[in-house]
C-alpha atoms as a PDB file:
ATOM      1  CA  MET A   1     158.576  74.221  53.359  1.00  0.00           C
ATOM      2  CA  GLY A   2     156.660  77.109  54.972  1.00  0.00           C
ATOM      3  CA  TRP A   3     152.831  77.400  56.016  1.00  0.00           C
ATOM      4  CA  LEU A   4     150.452  79.928  53.885  1.00  0.00           C
ATOM      5  CA  LEU A   5     147.286  80.556  56.024  1.00  0.00           C
ATOM      6  CA  LEU A   6     144.460  82.814  54.713  1.00  0.00           C
ATOM      7  CA  VAL A   7     141.757  83.438  56.604  1.00  0.00           C
ATOM      8  CA  ARG A   8     138.604  85.168  55.054  1.00  0.00           C
ATOM      9  CA  ASP A   9     135.663  86.283  56.872  1.00  0.00           C
ATOM     10  CA  VAL A  10     132.547  84.938  55.469  1.00  0.00           C
ATOM     11  CA  THR A  11     130.205  86.782  58.013  1.00  0.00           C
ATOM     12  CA  GLU A  12     128.655  89.527  55.285  1.00  0.00           C
ATOM     13  CA  ALA A  13     128.252  86.779  52.303  1.00  0.00           C
ATOM     14  CA  GLU A  14     126.381  84.228  54.923  1.00  0.00           C
ATOM     15  CA  GLU A  15     124.349  87.369  56.116  1.00  0.00           C
ATOM     16  CA  ARG A  16     123.361  88.280  52.525  1.00  0.00           C
ATOM     17  CA  ALA A  17     122.417  84.524  51.723  1.00  0.00           C
ATOM     18  CA  GLN A  18     120.232  84.590  54.508  1.00  0.00           C
ATOM     19  CA  TRP A  19     118.658  87.623  53.949  1.00  0.00           C
ATOM     20  CA  ARG A  20     118.078  86.271  50.351  1.00  0.00           C
ATOM     21  CA  THR A  21     116.334  83.421  51.725  1.00  0.00           C
ATOM     22  CA  GLN A  22     114.078  85.450  54.383  1.00  0.00           C
ATOM     23  CA  PHE A  23     113.183  87.863  51.468  1.00  0.00           C
ATOM     24  CA  THR A  24     112.332  84.952  49.066  1.00  0.00           C
ATOM     25  CA  HIS A  25     110.128  83.701  51.599  1.00  0.00           C
ATOM     26  CA  MET A  26     108.332  86.938  52.579  1.00  0.00           C
ATOM     27  CA  ILE A  27     107.726  87.223  48.770  1.00  0.00           C
ATOM     28  CA  VAL A  28     106.286  84.178  48.237  1.00  0.00           C
ATOM     29  CA  HIS A  29     104.060  84.118  51.118  1.00  0.00           C
ATOM     30  CA  ASP A  30     102.581  87.389  50.385  1.00  0.00           C
ATOM     31  CA  LEU A  31     101.867  86.234  47.057  1.00  0.00           C
ATOM     32  CA  ARG A  32     100.099  82.974  47.429  1.00  0.00           C
ATOM     33  CA  ASN A  33      97.414  84.429  49.664  1.00  0.00           C
ATOM     34  CA  PRO A  34      96.081  87.038  47.123  1.00  0.00           C
ATOM     35  CA  ILE A  35      96.388  84.172  44.244  1.00  0.00           C
ATOM     36  CA  SER A  36      94.264  82.009  46.639  1.00  0.00           C
ATOM     37  CA  THR A  37      91.951  84.445  47.046  1.00  0.00           C
ATOM     38  CA  LEU A  38      91.315  85.262  43.529  1.00  0.00           C
ATOM     39  CA  MET A  39      91.001  81.512  42.674  1.00  0.00           C
ATOM     40  CA  SER A  40      88.354  81.158  45.626  1.00  0.00           C
ATOM     41  CA  SER A  41      86.471  84.107  44.281  1.00  0.00           C
ATOM     42  CA  MET A  42      86.495  82.612  40.505  1.00  0.00           C
ATOM     43  CA  GLN A  43      85.054  79.592  41.843  1.00  0.00           C
ATOM     44  CA  LEU A  44      82.449  81.239  43.464  1.00  0.00           C
ATOM     45  CA  LEU A  45      81.663  83.306  40.056  1.00  0.00           C
ATOM     46  CA  GLU A  46      81.490  80.336  38.132  1.00  0.00           C
ATOM     47  CA  GLY A  47      78.627  78.860  40.198  1.00  0.00           C
ATOM     48  CA  GLN A  48      76.914  81.926  39.413  1.00  0.00           C
ATOM     49  CA  LEU A  49      77.252  81.861  35.866  1.00  0.00           C
ATOM     50  CA  THR A  50      74.813  80.556  33.600  1.00  0.00           C
ATOM     51  CA  ALA A  51      76.239  81.809  30.020  1.00  0.00           C
ATOM     52  CA  GLU A  52      79.021  79.308  28.183  1.00  0.00           C
ATOM     53  CA  GLN A  53      81.411  82.300  27.165  1.00  0.00           C
ATOM     54  CA  PRO A  54      81.814  83.803  30.532  1.00  0.00           C
ATOM     55  CA  ARG A  55      82.267  80.175  32.157  1.00  0.00           C
ATOM     56  CA  GLN A  56      84.978  79.241  29.639  1.00  0.00           C
ATOM     57  CA  LEU A  57      86.799  82.995  30.400  1.00  0.00           C
ATOM     58  CA  VAL A  58      86.498  82.146  34.109  1.00  0.00           C
ATOM     59  CA  THR A  59      87.644  78.608  33.737  1.00  0.00           C
ATOM     60  CA  VAL A  60      90.976  80.150  31.861  1.00  0.00           C
ATOM     61  CA  SER A  61      91.417  82.458  34.564  1.00  0.00           C
ATOM     62  CA  GLN A  62      91.256  79.378  36.894  1.00  0.00           C
ATOM     63  CA  GLN A  63      94.046  77.594  35.422  1.00  0.00           C
ATOM     64  CA  VAL A  64      96.307  80.339  34.804  1.00  0.00           C
ATOM     65  CA  SER A  65      95.958  81.011  38.629  1.00  0.00           C
ATOM     66  CA  GLY A  66      96.557  78.101  39.262  1.00  0.00           C
ATOM     67  CA  GLN A  67      99.635  77.784  37.496  1.00  0.00           C
ATOM     68  CA  MET A  68     100.736  80.988  39.271  1.00  0.00           C
ATOM     69  CA  LEU A  69     100.256  79.255  42.663  1.00  0.00           C
ATOM     70  CA  ASP A  70     102.179  76.461  41.643  1.00  0.00           C
ATOM     71  CA  MET A  71     105.047  78.343  40.531  1.00  0.00           C
ATOM     72  CA  VAL A  72     104.912  80.186  43.961  1.00  0.00           C
ATOM     73  CA  ASP A  73     104.570  76.858  45.718  1.00  0.00           C
ATOM     74  CA  SER A  74     107.631  75.753  44.213  1.00  0.00           C
ATOM     75  CA  LEU A  75     109.832  78.569  44.977  1.00  0.00           C
ATOM     76  CA  MET A  76     108.650  77.879  48.639  1.00  0.00           C
ATOM     77  CA  ASP A  77     109.750  74.397  48.269  1.00  0.00           C
ATOM     78  CA  ILE A  78     112.994  75.000  46.579  1.00  0.00           C
ATOM     79  CA  ASN A  79     113.986  77.268  49.742  1.00  0.00           C
ATOM     80  CA  LEU A  80     112.780  74.292  52.187  1.00  0.00           C
ATOM     81  CA  MET A  81     114.873  71.736  50.185  1.00  0.00           C
ATOM     82  CA  GLU A  82     117.939  73.552  49.753  1.00  0.00           C
ATOM     83  CA  ALA A  83     117.713  74.103  53.744  1.00  0.00           C
ATOM     84  CA  GLY A  84     117.192  70.573  54.010  1.00  0.00           C
ATOM     85  CA  ARG A  85     113.625  71.247  55.883  1.00  0.00           C
ATOM     86  CA  PHE A  86     111.556  69.672  53.325  1.00  0.00           C
ATOM     87  CA  THR A  87     109.627  66.453  53.754  1.00  0.00           C
ATOM     88  CA  ALA A  88     107.959  64.800  50.678  1.00  0.00           C
ATOM     89  CA  GLU A  89     104.723  63.346  52.046  1.00  0.00           C
ATOM     90  CA  VAL A  90     104.773  59.813  50.065  1.00  0.00           C
ATOM     91  CA  GLU A  91     102.383  57.365  49.631  1.00  0.00           C
ATOM     92  CA  ALA A  92     101.737  54.473  47.288  1.00  0.00           C
ATOM     93  CA  MET A  93      99.671  55.937  44.301  1.00  0.00           C
ATOM     94  CA  ARG A  94      98.937  55.123  40.775  1.00  0.00           C
ATOM     95  CA  LEU A  95     100.745  57.118  38.245  1.00  0.00           C
ATOM     96  CA  PRO A  96      98.868  56.946  35.457  1.00  0.00           C
ATOM     97  CA  LEU A  97      95.842  58.617  36.847  1.00  0.00           C
ATOM     98  CA  LEU A  98      97.644  61.337  37.730  1.00  0.00           C
ATOM     99  CA  VAL A  99      99.610  61.821  34.476  1.00  0.00           C
ATOM    100  CA  GLY A 100      96.228  61.345  32.438  1.00  0.00           C
ATOM    101  CA  ARG A 101      94.649  64.034  34.205  1.00  0.00           C
ATOM    102  CA  VAL A 102      97.563  66.374  33.656  1.00  0.00           C
ATOM    103  CA  VAL A 103      97.904  65.436  30.038  1.00  0.00           C
ATOM    104  CA  GLN A 104      93.970  66.280  29.669  1.00  0.00           C
ATOM    105  CA  ALA A 105      94.326  69.695  31.162  1.00  0.00           C
ATOM    106  CA  VAL A 106      97.187  70.495  28.854  1.00  0.00           C
ATOM    107  CA  ALA A 107      95.569  69.021  25.539  1.00  0.00           C
ATOM    108  CA  PRO A 108      93.756  72.159  24.905  1.00  0.00           C
ATOM    109  CA  LEU A 109      97.008  74.133  24.647  1.00  0.00           C
ATOM    110  CA  ALA A 110      98.479  71.308  22.390  1.00  0.00           C
ATOM    111  CA  ALA A 111      95.388  71.789  19.951  1.00  0.00           C
ATOM    112  CA  SER A 112      96.167  75.324  19.690  1.00  0.00           C
ATOM    113  CA  LYS A 113      99.842  75.359  18.532  1.00  0.00           C
ATOM    114  CA  GLN A 114      98.769  72.098  16.726  1.00  0.00           C
ATOM    115  CA  ILE A 115     100.747  69.736  18.447  1.00  0.00           C
ATOM    116  CA  SER A 116      99.835  65.972  18.731  1.00  0.00           C
ATOM    117  CA  LEU A 117      99.864  64.995  22.061  1.00  0.00           C
ATOM    118  CA  HIS A 118      99.719  61.117  23.308  1.00  0.00           C
ATOM    119  CA  LEU A 119     100.203  59.662  26.480  1.00  0.00           C
ATOM    120  CA  GLU A 120     101.105  55.644  26.038  1.00  0.00           C
ATOM    121  CA  VAL A 121     100.697  53.747  29.360  1.00  0.00           C
ATOM    122  CA  ALA A 122     102.523  50.151  29.412  1.00  0.00           C
ATOM    123  CA  GLU A 123      99.871  47.600  31.116  1.00  0.00           C
ATOM    124  CA  GLY A 124     100.277  46.323  34.794  1.00  0.00           C
ATOM    125  CA  LEU A 125     102.123  48.882  36.140  1.00  0.00           C
ATOM    126  CA  PRO A 126     103.005  48.810  39.539  1.00  0.00           C
ATOM    127  CA  ALA A 127     102.096  51.451  42.152  1.00  0.00           C
ATOM    128  CA  VAL A 128     104.765  54.321  42.981  1.00  0.00           C
ATOM    129  CA  TRP A 129     105.812  55.614  46.666  1.00  0.00           C
ATOM    130  CA  ALA A 130     105.683  59.248  45.993  1.00  0.00           C
ATOM    131  CA  ASP A 131     104.249  62.685  46.849  1.00  0.00           C
ATOM    132  CA  GLU A 132     101.154  63.122  44.475  1.00  0.00           C
ATOM    133  CA  VAL A 133     101.054  67.168  44.799  1.00  0.00           C
ATOM    134  CA  LEU A 134     105.144  66.967  43.711  1.00  0.00           C
ATOM    135  CA  VAL A 135     104.443  64.545  41.172  1.00  0.00           C
ATOM    136  CA  ARG A 136     101.738  66.670  39.505  1.00  0.00           C
ATOM    137  CA  ARG A 137     103.579  70.094  39.628  1.00  0.00           C
ATOM    138  CA  MET A 138     106.762  67.914  37.953  1.00  0.00           C
ATOM    139  CA  VAL A 139     104.700  66.434  35.162  1.00  0.00           C
ATOM    140  CA  VAL A 140     102.794  69.972  34.506  1.00  0.00           C
ATOM    141  CA  ASN A 141     106.461  71.488  34.273  1.00  0.00           C
ATOM    142  CA  LEU A 142     108.000  69.182  32.359  1.00  0.00           C
ATOM    143  CA  LEU A 143     104.955  69.125  29.735  1.00  0.00           C
ATOM    144  CA  ASP A 144     104.785  72.909  29.653  1.00  0.00           C
ATOM    145  CA  ASN A 145     108.489  73.090  28.712  1.00  0.00           C
ATOM    146  CA  ALA A 146     108.071  70.021  25.784  1.00  0.00           C
ATOM    147  CA  LEU A 147     105.265  71.892  24.205  1.00  0.00           C
ATOM    148  CA  LYS A 148     106.973  75.449  24.788  1.00  0.00           C
ATOM    149  CA  PHE A 149     110.039  74.352  22.379  1.00  0.00           C
ATOM    150  CA  THR A 150     107.912  71.952  20.381  1.00  0.00           C
ATOM    151  CA  PRO A 151     107.078  73.454  16.696  1.00  0.00           C
ATOM    152  CA  GLY A 152     103.480  73.354  15.136  1.00  0.00           C
ATOM    153  CA  GLY A 153     102.797  69.986  13.461  1.00  0.00           C
ATOM    154  CA  GLY A 154     105.274  68.343  15.982  1.00  0.00           C
ATOM    155  CA  TRP A 155     104.554  65.714  18.874  1.00  0.00           C
ATOM    156  CA  VAL A 156     104.711  65.339  22.663  1.00  0.00           C
ATOM    157  CA  VAL A 157     104.530  61.643  23.694  1.00  0.00           C
ATOM    158  CA  VAL A 158     104.060  60.630  27.386  1.00  0.00           C
ATOM    159  CA  GLN A 159     105.348  57.157  28.204  1.00  0.00           C
ATOM    160  CA  LEU A 160     104.980  55.117  31.500  1.00  0.00           C
ATOM    161  CA  THR A 161     106.997  51.768  31.747  1.00  0.00           C
ATOM    162  CA  ALA A 162     108.048  49.508  34.495  1.00  0.00           C
ATOM    163  CA  GLU A 163     111.221  50.396  36.577  1.00  0.00           C
ATOM    164  CA  PRO A 164     113.047  47.183  37.940  1.00  0.00           C
ATOM    165  CA  ALA A 165     113.609  48.106  41.797  1.00  0.00           C
ATOM    166  CA  GLU A 166     116.990  48.728  42.769  1.00  0.00           C
ATOM    167  CA  ASP A 167     117.202  46.574  45.469  1.00  0.00           C
ATOM    168  CA  ALA A 168     114.066  43.839  45.037  1.00  0.00           C
ATOM    169  CA  ALA A 169     114.709  43.130  48.967  1.00  0.00           C
ATOM    170  CA  VAL A 170     113.799  46.486  50.066  1.00  0.00           C
ATOM    171  CA  ALA A 171     110.802  47.857  47.413  1.00  0.00           C
ATOM    172  CA  GLU A 172     108.948  46.726  44.610  1.00  0.00           C
ATOM    173  CA  ALA A 173     109.484  47.740  41.259  1.00  0.00           C
ATOM    174  CA  GLY A 174     108.842  51.311  40.417  1.00  0.00           C
ATOM    175  CA  VAL A 175     107.872  53.610  37.282  1.00  0.00           C
ATOM    176  CA  ARG A 176     109.625  55.482  34.765  1.00  0.00           C
ATOM    177  CA  CYS A 177     108.145  58.540  33.115  1.00  0.00           C
ATOM    178  CA  THR A 178     109.432  59.874  29.631  1.00  0.00           C
ATOM    179  CA  ILE A 179     108.339  62.934  28.098  1.00  0.00           C
ATOM    180  CA  ALA A 180     109.597  63.159  24.549  1.00  0.00           C
ATOM    181  CA  ASP A 181     109.173  65.840  21.972  1.00  0.00           C
ATOM    182  CA  THR A 182     110.338  66.791  18.574  1.00  0.00           C
ATOM    183  CA  GLY A 183     111.618  70.128  19.460  1.00  0.00           C
ATOM    184  CA  PRO A 184     115.296  71.481  18.844  1.00  0.00           C
ATOM    185  CA  GLY A 185     116.909  68.998  21.084  1.00  0.00           C
ATOM    186  CA  ILE A 186     119.602  70.342  23.924  1.00  0.00           C
ATOM    187  CA  PRO A 187     123.428  69.872  22.945  1.00  0.00           C
ATOM    188  CA  ALA A 188     125.114  67.603  24.960  1.00  0.00           C
ATOM    189  CA  ALA A 189     127.508  70.306  26.615  1.00  0.00           C
ATOM    190  CA  TYR A 190     124.140  71.593  28.072  1.00  0.00           C
ATOM    191  CA  LYS A 191     122.220  68.576  29.466  1.00  0.00           C
ATOM    192  CA  GLU A 192     123.614  68.965  32.992  1.00  0.00           C
ATOM    193  CA  HIS A 193     123.543  72.743  33.373  1.00  0.00           C
ATOM    194  CA  ILE A 194     119.593  72.959  32.822  1.00  0.00           C
ATOM    195  CA  PHE A 195     118.851  71.372  36.102  1.00  0.00           C
ATOM    196  CA  GLU A 196     120.980  74.233  37.537  1.00  0.00           C
ATOM    197  CA  ARG A 197     119.084  77.334  39.309  1.00  0.00           C
ATOM    198  CA  PHE A 198     117.947  80.260  37.531  1.00  0.00           C
ATOM    199  CA  VAL A 199     119.817  79.010  34.251  1.00  0.00           C
ATOM    200  CA  ARG A 200     118.553  79.834  30.635  1.00  0.00           C
ATOM    201  CA  ILE A 201     120.722  78.281  28.363  1.00  0.00           C
ATOM    202  CA  SER A 202     121.029  79.945  24.824  1.00  0.00           C
ATOM    203  CA  THR A 203     122.993  79.272  21.454  1.00  0.00           C
ATOM    204  CA  GLY A 204     123.786  81.517  18.973  1.00  0.00           C
ATOM    205  CA  GLY A 205     121.255  83.955  20.459  1.00  0.00           C
ATOM    206  CA  ALA A 206     118.363  81.628  20.442  1.00  0.00           C
ATOM    207  CA  GLN A 207     116.857  80.067  23.462  1.00  0.00           C
ATOM    208  CA  VAL A 208     117.345  76.404  23.556  1.00  0.00           C
ATOM    209  CA  ARG A 209     115.790  75.143  27.075  1.00  0.00           C
ATOM    210  CA  GLY A 210     115.202  76.178  30.647  1.00  0.00           C
ATOM    211  CA  THR A 211     112.381  77.868  32.436  1.00  0.00           C
ATOM    212  CA  GLY A 212     115.011  79.193  35.322  1.00  0.00           C
ATOM    213  CA  VAL A 213     113.086  77.515  38.325  1.00  0.00           C
ATOM    214  CA  GLY A 214     110.980  74.555  36.530  1.00  0.00           C
ATOM    215  CA  LEU A 215     113.470  72.362  35.912  1.00  0.00           C
ATOM    216  CA  TYR A 216     115.398  73.075  39.202  1.00  0.00           C
ATOM    217  CA  PHE A 217     112.357  72.679  41.177  1.00  0.00           C
ATOM    218  CA  CYS A 218     111.728  69.253  39.385  1.00  0.00           C
ATOM    219  CA  LYS A 219     115.221  67.783  40.141  1.00  0.00           C
ATOM    220  CA  LEU A 220     114.890  68.903  43.591  1.00  0.00           C
ATOM    221  CA  ALA A 221     111.661  67.044  43.925  1.00  0.00           C
ATOM    222  CA  VAL A 222     112.054  63.720  42.255  1.00  0.00           C
ATOM    223  CA  GLU A 223     115.358  63.528  44.365  1.00  0.00           C
ATOM    224  CA  ALA A 224     113.404  63.965  47.381  1.00  0.00           C
ATOM    225  CA  GLN A 225     111.152  61.373  46.421  1.00  0.00           C
ATOM    226  CA  GLY A 226     113.994  59.091  46.148  1.00  0.00           C
ATOM    227  CA  GLY A 227     113.828  58.943  42.431  1.00  0.00           C
ATOM    228  CA  ARG A 228     116.144  60.168  39.559  1.00  0.00           C
ATOM    229  CA  LEU A 229     115.640  63.105  36.843  1.00  0.00           C
ATOM    230  CA  TRP A 230     117.854  63.357  33.781  1.00  0.00           C
ATOM    231  CA  VAL A 231     117.466  64.506  29.682  1.00  0.00           C
ATOM    232  CA  GLU A 232     118.738  62.391  26.834  1.00  0.00           C
ATOM    233  CA  ASP A 233     118.088  62.517  22.712  1.00  0.00           C
ATOM    234  CA  ALA A 234     114.723  61.532  21.608  1.00  0.00           C
ATOM    235  CA  ALA A 235     114.625  58.465  19.110  1.00  0.00           C
ATOM    236  CA  VAL A 236     113.752  60.675  16.172  1.00  0.00           C
ATOM    237  CA  GLY A 237     114.900  64.009  17.157  1.00  0.00           C
ATOM    238  CA  GLY A 238     114.246  66.182  19.952  1.00  0.00           C
ATOM    239  CA  SER A 239     114.782  65.645  23.499  1.00  0.00           C
ATOM    240  CA  ALA A 240     113.427  63.095  26.425  1.00  0.00           C
ATOM    241  CA  PHE A 241     113.106  64.077  29.683  1.00  0.00           C
ATOM    242  CA  VAL A 242     113.369  61.018  32.383  1.00  0.00           C
ATOM    243  CA  PHE A 243     112.279  60.635  35.682  1.00  0.00           C
ATOM    244  CA  THR A 244     111.818  57.217  37.880  1.00  0.00           C
ATOM    245  CA  LEU A 245     109.655  56.997  41.057  1.00  0.00           C
ATOM    246  CA  PRO A 246     110.527  54.221  43.325  1.00  0.00           C
ATOM    247  CA  GLY A 247     108.076  51.709  44.327  1.00  0.00           C
ATOM    248  CA  VAL A 248     106.344  50.685  47.388  1.00  0.00           C
ATOM    249  CA  PRO A 249     108.577  49.808  50.333  1.00  0.00           C
ATOM    250  CA  LEU A 250     108.296  45.951  51.447  1.00  0.00           C
ATOM    251  CA  PHE A 251     107.358  46.635  54.944  1.00  0.00           C
END
């Protein structure tokens, strides 16, 4: 038996990867400033308007700018998470209040597409140990995804139920959030790939699911908070995206 030693210089590949990371960070930083300025300007403008229609236009512009800012922040956080330099600012929080606000915010979009949107909350849910900003962006991404792929006349249901703690001696029970839709569903072979970075999966030329970075961000964000995210078939067709968040630690 002999030995074959293969030596490969990966310096150039590492330099390219580092350059891509630095370039993304620069672009994200440069985009964030003008979007924040735009949002501040619209807030000042809204306070000076009296007619209803111009106020509605400003409100819509604020919502779109907020969505753009969330996308920019998600790109920034993805880079930090991949580099192992991200720390979630977790604290005890009530998930139904936050999810309720997000559902209310996207309700006009659901109505415009003639989609029934419902929120079902189990009684006596415990608090979760999570980062409110991250959770809000996760729910926005998942709800936007569900509404995008649900045809008119369909429905989207958000369910919040208790999730038993993996170790009751360490933490209290957490919460499970399920966002189910009546869209086309996801083939079993693709259910893992949709959470990969920049993946857009299609079958027969038709887009199935995947926003490129949204689902990838959600997976990284929920894992940064000690939770899990997966997708399964909904009970009456379509897909159900499920994530869990841990309960409050027992100090």
